Amino acid sequence: MVFRRFSALVLVAVVLTQSGPLFAATGDTVTETPAPSGGTNKVLIEQVTPLENTYTEWTLLKPGNLKQLGRQATATIENLPDGSYTFTIDPLDGGSVTLDLYENDVLTRDDVIRQATFPLASGTTMKIVVEHSFTRIGSVSVTSIPKGLDFTLRGPNDVLLEGTTPAQYMDMPEGLYTVTFHPIEGCVTPKPRSERLVKDSRITLPITVACAALDTLEQTKEEKRQVEYVTTTIDGLSVTFNDVPVISWYATYVATATKTGIMSGYRDENGYLSGRYGPEDAVTIGQLSKIAHELGNVDETKVVGQPTNVRAVGQWYEKYFTSAEQRG
């Protein structure tokens, strides 16, 4: 009796070793080692999720009540015997999951909720496409004083996001979120902040850092510049004019002229805004020609030919000169 029981235990151990759970890293493809009684059937599994590198665990129940588990983006399971199979998968936190089944590349069933049972026989390839979606979502914001602090945001479904404040994430699944701010040399490391997001809500994870070392950070210097000097938006970009203090008598006029597009300040050799307005510089005829067109809402690009003033040929204001001359 003892010998028979020992033999049975060894047999069970061998079966589990040959057909036990297989795991792979995210995005890998895993292939089962052929068993002596294997067949010619194959199962392909593909997970599609709204979050990069975020997947849930699935179970494939095979003939003989044997199970195989996985949690990867794609999996290939080969050498499967004929018989009935059941595939089950968990949804993401705050979401739902549906299955599309393709038998030999032909869609046979779609929008199946979480679990599907199917037969395999005579060299069948069954592809299971898992579609994850979020149904209970909200938004998450991370802010700081001063702005521009680096952080790591962790959330449900093993979400791991790196960012810089201020940051906002839309359509995030409900659950607990924790933000950890990166250490700042010379400052006490801020404690992590956590809050739970529920459906159709918004949470903000803020932090205020105060220490002498902050004055050396570039983002702190930039904030001070934006307070001390005129800052406006040009071509969709925020520009601070370091030569136009907000206390100057002409600050309001500069802000109006740039916001309305009449003037934009100097640009570098590549055409990028330099952050210099030149309020004390002499105004050239070329600049005046552009100002006149902007004020009059005249499109200088509609003219053809070259200006009679040869000094304008090849210059940035050539079109403005041509238009001005043709319009008298």
Protein backbone atom coordinates (compact mmCIF):
# COMPACT_ATOMS: atom_id res chain seq x y z
CA MET A 1 0.00 0.00 0.00
CA VAL A 2 2.84 2.38 0.86
CA PHE A 3 4.57 1.70 -2.47
CA ARG A 4 1.36 2.39 -4.47
CA ARG A 5 0.70 5.66 -2.64
CA PHE A 6 4.29 6.76 -3.28
CA SER A 7 3.94 5.91 -7.00
CA ALA A 8 0.73 7.92 -7.25
CA LEU A 9 2.39 10.96 -5.67
CA VAL A 10 5.29 10.74 -8.11
CA LEU A 11 2.85 10.52 -11.04
CA VAL A 12 0.98 13.65 -9.86
CA ALA A 13 4.28 15.51 -9.47
CA VAL A 14 5.31 14.61 -13.02
CA VAL A 15 1.99 15.76 -14.49
CA LEU A 16 2.15 19.08 -12.66
CA THR A 17 5.74 19.62 -13.79
CA GLN A 18 4.83 19.06 -17.44
CA SER A 19 1.60 21.02 -17.53
CA GLY A 20 1.85 23.46 -14.63
CA PRO A 21 1.54 27.28 -14.76
CA LEU A 22 3.84 29.19 -17.08
CA PHE A 23 4.62 32.87 -16.57
CA ALA A 24 6.42 35.37 -18.78
CA ALA A 25 7.49 38.97 -18.58
CA THR A 26 5.13 41.63 -19.87
CA GLY A 27 4.93 41.56 -23.65
CA ASP A 28 6.80 38.24 -24.04
CA THR A 29 5.57 35.20 -25.91
CA VAL A 30 5.54 31.91 -24.01
CA THR A 31 5.46 28.45 -25.60
CA GLU A 32 4.55 25.35 -23.66
CA THR A 33 6.98 22.42 -23.70
CA PRO A 34 5.38 19.60 -25.73
CA ALA A 35 3.93 16.85 -23.56
CA PRO A 36 4.10 13.20 -24.64
CA SER A 37 0.33 13.19 -25.14
CA GLY A 38 0.29 16.58 -26.88
CA GLY A 39 -1.71 17.28 -30.01
CA THR A 40 -1.50 19.65 -32.95
CA ASN A 41 -3.79 22.41 -31.67
CA LYS A 42 -2.70 25.89 -30.68
CA VAL A 43 -4.08 28.80 -28.59
CA LEU A 44 -2.93 32.41 -29.13
CA ILE A 45 -3.70 35.01 -26.47
CA GLU A 46 -3.42 38.78 -26.98
CA GLN A 47 -4.28 41.46 -24.41
CA VAL A 48 -5.17 45.01 -25.51
CA THR A 49 -5.27 47.54 -22.66
CA PRO A 50 -5.67 51.34 -22.34
CA LEU A 51 -2.55 51.51 -20.16
CA GLU A 52 0.88 50.65 -21.52
CA ASN A 53 2.46 47.51 -20.04
CA THR A 54 -0.57 46.83 -17.83
CA TYR A 55 -2.16 43.38 -18.06
CA THR A 56 -4.22 41.03 -15.90
CA GLU A 57 -3.94 37.33 -15.14
CA TRP A 58 -5.69 34.73 -17.31
CA THR A 59 -6.40 31.03 -16.81
CA LEU A 60 -6.63 28.37 -19.50
CA LEU A 61 -8.40 25.23 -18.27
CA LYS A 62 -7.35 22.25 -20.41
CA PRO A 63 -8.68 18.69 -20.75
CA GLY A 64 -8.01 16.63 -17.66
CA ASN A 65 -8.73 19.68 -15.48
CA LEU A 66 -5.18 20.99 -16.00
CA LYS A 67 -4.61 24.75 -15.66
CA GLN A 68 -2.19 27.15 -17.24
CA LEU A 69 -1.80 30.73 -16.00
CA GLY A 70 -0.31 33.84 -17.59
CA ARG A 71 -0.17 37.62 -17.31
CA GLN A 72 1.66 38.75 -20.42
CA ALA A 73 0.67 40.82 -23.45
CA THR A 74 0.86 37.87 -25.84
CA ALA A 75 1.15 34.12 -25.36
CA THR A 76 1.41 31.16 -27.70
CA ILE A 77 0.47 27.74 -26.29
CA GLU A 78 1.18 24.86 -28.66
CA ASN A 79 0.95 21.06 -28.83
CA LEU A 80 -2.49 21.00 -27.22
CA PRO A 81 -4.59 17.79 -27.35
CA ASP A 82 -8.13 17.63 -28.70
CA GLY A 83 -10.83 18.46 -26.20
CA SER A 84 -12.76 21.22 -24.47
CA TYR A 85 -11.01 24.35 -23.15
CA THR A 86 -12.13 27.25 -20.96
CA PHE A 87 -10.40 30.64 -20.94
CA THR A 88 -11.01 33.11 -18.07
CA ILE A 89 -9.47 36.50 -17.40
CA ASP A 90 -9.90 39.19 -14.75
CA PRO A 91 -10.71 42.80 -15.72
CA LEU A 92 -8.49 45.71 -14.80
CA ASP A 93 -9.38 47.57 -11.62
CA GLY A 94 -12.11 50.05 -12.49
CA GLY A 95 -12.77 48.40 -15.84
CA SER A 96 -14.38 45.61 -17.83
CA VAL A 97 -13.10 43.00 -20.25
CA THR A 98 -14.50 41.29 -23.36
CA LEU A 99 -13.18 38.50 -25.56
CA ASP A 100 -13.11 38.02 -29.33
CA LEU A 101 -12.47 34.45 -30.53
CA TYR A 102 -10.94 33.63 -33.93
CA GLU A 103 -10.90 30.01 -35.10
CA ASN A 104 -8.27 29.60 -37.82
CA ASP A 105 -8.35 33.40 -38.39
CA VAL A 106 -12.17 33.50 -38.69
CA LEU A 107 -14.09 35.48 -36.07
CA THR A 108 -16.52 33.08 -34.44
CA ARG A 109 -17.55 34.93 -31.26
CA ASP A 110 -17.16 38.51 -30.09
CA ASP A 111 -17.86 40.64 -27.02
CA VAL A 112 -17.79 37.63 -24.72
CA ILE A 113 -17.68 38.71 -21.07
CA ARG A 114 -14.60 37.43 -19.18
CA GLN A 115 -14.95 33.69 -19.95
CA ALA A 116 -15.25 31.51 -23.03
CA THR A 117 -15.43 27.73 -23.55
CA PHE A 118 -14.42 26.23 -26.91
CA PRO A 119 -13.38 22.89 -28.45
CA LEU A 120 -10.06 22.15 -30.14
CA ALA A 121 -9.62 19.36 -32.65
CA SER A 122 -7.69 18.42 -35.80
CA GLY A 123 -4.99 21.11 -35.72
CA THR A 124 -7.21 24.07 -34.80
CA THR A 125 -5.66 27.46 -33.95
CA MET A 126 -7.81 29.51 -31.58
CA LYS A 127 -6.87 33.17 -31.16
CA ILE A 128 -8.33 35.01 -28.17
CA VAL A 129 -8.16 38.82 -28.28
CA VAL A 130 -8.76 40.35 -24.86
CA GLU A 131 -10.13 43.91 -24.95
CA HIS A 132 -9.76 45.85 -21.68
CA SER A 133 -11.56 49.14 -21.08
CA PHE A 134 -12.17 51.43 -18.14
CA THR A 135 -15.77 52.02 -17.06
CA ARG A 136 -15.18 53.74 -13.70
CA ILE A 137 -12.83 56.64 -14.34
CA GLY A 138 -11.88 60.12 -13.12
CA SER A 139 -8.95 62.55 -13.34
CA VAL A 140 -5.79 62.87 -11.28
CA SER A 141 -3.76 66.07 -10.88
CA VAL A 142 -0.33 66.49 -9.33
CA THR A 143 0.71 70.01 -8.31
CA SER A 144 3.50 71.63 -6.33
CA ILE A 145 4.84 74.92 -5.05
CA PRO A 146 7.17 75.71 -6.70
CA LYS A 147 6.22 74.25 -10.06
CA GLY A 148 8.47 71.96 -12.04
CA LEU A 149 9.10 69.25 -9.43
CA ASP A 150 9.67 65.69 -10.68
CA PHE A 151 7.47 62.93 -9.30
CA THR A 152 6.44 59.28 -9.60
CA LEU A 153 2.73 58.42 -9.59
CA ARG A 154 1.56 54.93 -8.63
CA GLY A 155 -2.01 53.71 -8.93
CA PRO A 156 -4.28 50.72 -9.43
CA ASN A 157 -3.33 48.03 -11.96
CA ASP A 158 0.34 48.66 -11.08
CA VAL A 159 0.22 52.03 -12.85
CA LEU A 160 3.63 53.76 -12.73
CA LEU A 161 3.93 57.22 -14.29
CA GLU A 162 6.81 59.70 -14.23
CA GLY A 163 6.09 63.40 -14.63
CA THR A 164 6.80 67.02 -13.73
CA THR A 165 4.37 69.33 -11.95
CA PRO A 166 1.86 70.53 -12.78
CA ALA A 167 0.45 67.44 -14.46
CA GLN A 168 -3.06 66.13 -15.10
CA TYR A 169 -4.13 62.64 -16.15
CA MET A 170 -7.59 62.11 -17.61
CA ASP A 171 -9.69 58.92 -17.80
CA MET A 172 -7.81 57.16 -15.01
CA PRO A 173 -9.37 54.10 -13.33
CA GLU A 174 -10.75 54.47 -9.82
CA GLY A 175 -8.55 53.33 -6.97
CA LEU A 176 -5.78 54.50 -4.66
CA TYR A 177 -3.10 56.81 -6.09
CA THR A 178 0.17 57.70 -4.40
CA VAL A 179 2.62 60.37 -5.56
CA THR A 180 6.26 60.41 -4.51
CA PHE A 181 8.26 63.55 -5.21
CA HIS A 182 11.88 63.12 -6.16
CA PRO A 183 14.49 64.34 -3.63
CA ILE A 184 15.78 67.91 -3.94
CA GLU A 185 19.37 68.38 -2.87
CA GLY A 186 19.51 70.49 0.26
CA CYS A 187 15.81 70.03 1.09
CA VAL A 188 13.94 67.58 3.27
CA THR A 189 12.42 64.88 1.08
CA PRO A 190 8.62 65.37 0.97
CA LYS A 191 6.45 62.55 2.27
CA PRO A 192 4.34 60.63 -0.29
CA ARG A 193 0.76 61.83 -0.76
CA SER A 194 -2.14 59.41 -1.33
CA GLU A 195 -5.83 59.74 -2.16
CA ARG A 196 -8.52 57.43 -3.51
CA LEU A 197 -10.19 58.22 -6.83
CA VAL A 198 -13.83 57.21 -7.34
CA LYS A 199 -15.93 57.18 -10.48
CA ASP A 200 -16.59 60.56 -12.15
CA SER A 201 -14.48 62.45 -9.61
CA ARG A 202 -11.21 64.35 -9.52
CA ILE A 203 -8.38 64.24 -7.01
CA THR A 204 -5.39 66.56 -6.59
CA LEU A 205 -2.15 65.49 -4.98
CA PRO A 206 -0.36 68.72 -3.94
CA ILE A 207 2.87 69.54 -2.17
CA THR A 208 4.57 72.72 -0.98
CA VAL A 209 8.34 72.73 -0.59
CA ALA A 210 10.14 75.50 1.29
CA CYS A 211 13.92 75.53 1.71
CA ALA A 212 16.84 77.73 0.76
CA ALA A 213 18.06 75.28 -1.89
CA LEU A 214 14.96 75.95 -4.00
CA ASP A 215 16.42 79.27 -5.13
CA THR A 216 19.05 77.36 -7.11
CA LEU A 217 16.48 75.37 -9.13
CA GLU A 218 15.88 76.56 -12.69
CA GLN A 219 12.09 76.27 -12.28
CA THR A 220 12.22 78.60 -9.25
CA LYS A 221 14.24 81.14 -11.19
CA GLU A 222 11.75 80.91 -14.06
CA GLU A 223 8.80 81.49 -11.73
CA LYS A 224 10.48 84.60 -10.37
CA ARG A 225 11.13 85.85 -13.89
CA GLN A 226 7.48 85.35 -14.80
CA VAL A 227 6.47 87.42 -11.77
CA GLU A 228 9.00 90.19 -12.35
CA TYR A 229 8.75 90.44 -16.13
CA VAL A 230 5.96 90.48 -18.70
CA THR A 231 4.94 86.95 -19.71
CA THR A 232 2.58 86.27 -22.58
CA THR A 233 1.64 83.53 -25.07
CA ILE A 234 2.88 83.74 -28.66
CA ASP A 235 2.32 80.99 -31.24
CA GLY A 236 0.98 78.81 -28.44
CA LEU A 237 4.17 79.16 -26.37
CA SER A 238 4.69 80.99 -23.08
CA VAL A 239 7.30 83.73 -23.47
CA THR A 240 8.84 85.87 -20.73
CA PHE A 241 10.41 89.13 -21.89
CA ASN A 242 13.41 89.56 -19.60
CA ASP A 243 13.82 93.20 -20.64
CA VAL A 244 10.23 94.28 -19.89
CA PRO A 245 9.72 94.54 -16.10
CA VAL A 246 6.09 94.48 -15.01
CA ILE A 247 6.67 97.75 -13.12
CA SER A 248 7.74 99.62 -16.29
CA TRP A 249 5.30 102.18 -17.73
CA TYR A 250 5.23 100.37 -21.08
CA ALA A 251 4.62 96.84 -19.70
CA THR A 252 0.86 96.93 -20.36
CA TYR A 253 1.37 98.12 -23.94
CA VAL A 254 3.94 95.39 -24.63
CA ALA A 255 1.59 92.74 -23.25
CA THR A 256 -1.26 94.01 -25.46
CA ALA A 257 0.88 94.27 -28.59
CA THR A 258 2.19 90.71 -28.21
CA LYS A 259 -1.12 89.12 -27.24
CA THR A 260 -2.87 90.62 -30.26
CA GLY A 261 -0.07 89.49 -32.59
CA ILE A 262 0.99 92.99 -33.63
CA MET A 263 4.52 92.37 -32.33
CA SER A 264 6.36 89.30 -31.07
CA GLY A 265 9.78 90.46 -29.94
CA TYR A 266 13.10 89.26 -31.31
CA ARG A 267 13.73 85.78 -32.67
CA ASP A 268 17.02 83.91 -32.95
CA GLU A 269 18.66 82.76 -36.17
CA ASN A 270 16.45 79.66 -36.20
CA GLY A 271 13.24 81.67 -35.88
CA TYR A 272 12.62 80.83 -32.23
CA LEU A 273 11.44 83.52 -29.82
CA SER A 274 14.43 84.75 -27.82
CA GLY A 275 12.59 86.35 -24.90
CA ARG A 276 13.94 89.82 -25.77
CA TYR A 277 11.56 92.59 -26.75
CA GLY A 278 13.98 95.51 -27.09
CA PRO A 279 11.73 98.29 -25.69
CA GLU A 280 14.52 100.90 -25.94
CA ASP A 281 15.66 99.89 -29.42
CA ALA A 282 15.07 102.19 -32.36
CA VAL A 283 12.19 101.03 -34.59
CA THR A 284 13.22 100.29 -38.18
CA ILE A 285 11.23 100.90 -41.35
CA GLY A 286 10.96 97.10 -41.74
CA GLN A 287 9.41 96.74 -38.30
CA LEU A 288 7.03 99.62 -38.95
CA SER A 289 5.90 98.00 -42.21
CA LYS A 290 4.98 94.83 -40.31
CA ILE A 291 3.21 96.79 -37.56
CA ALA A 292 1.16 98.67 -40.15
CA HIS A 293 0.03 95.44 -41.79
CA GLU A 294 -0.87 93.82 -38.46
CA LEU A 295 -2.83 96.87 -37.30
CA GLY A 296 -4.64 97.12 -40.62
CA ASN A 297 -5.25 93.35 -40.78
CA VAL A 298 -3.65 93.26 -44.23
CA ASP A 299 -2.32 89.95 -45.57
CA GLU A 300 1.13 90.67 -46.99
CA THR A 301 1.48 87.16 -48.49
CA LYS A 302 -1.05 87.87 -51.23
CA VAL A 303 1.29 90.14 -53.18
CA VAL A 304 3.58 88.95 -55.98
CA GLY A 305 6.91 90.27 -57.19
CA GLN A 306 9.75 92.00 -55.39
CA PRO A 307 9.98 95.42 -53.74
CA THR A 308 11.49 98.30 -55.70
CA ASN A 309 13.57 99.11 -52.63
CA VAL A 310 16.50 96.78 -53.25
CA ARG A 311 17.60 96.92 -49.60
CA ALA A 312 14.47 94.91 -48.67
CA VAL A 313 15.19 92.05 -51.10
CA GLY A 314 16.01 88.88 -49.23
CA GLN A 315 15.14 90.37 -45.84
CA TRP A 316 12.47 89.08 -43.44
CA TYR A 317 10.35 92.15 -44.19
CA GLU A 318 10.52 91.80 -48.01
CA LYS A 319 6.84 90.83 -48.36
CA TYR A 320 5.76 93.71 -46.12
CA PHE A 321 7.74 96.18 -48.25
CA THR A 322 6.35 94.77 -51.49
CA SER A 323 2.80 94.95 -50.17
CA ALA A 324 3.29 98.47 -48.80
CA GLU A 325 4.71 99.76 -52.09
CA GLN A 326 1.94 98.18 -54.17
CA ARG A 327 -0.72 99.62 -51.84
CA GLY A 328 0.83 103.07 -51.94
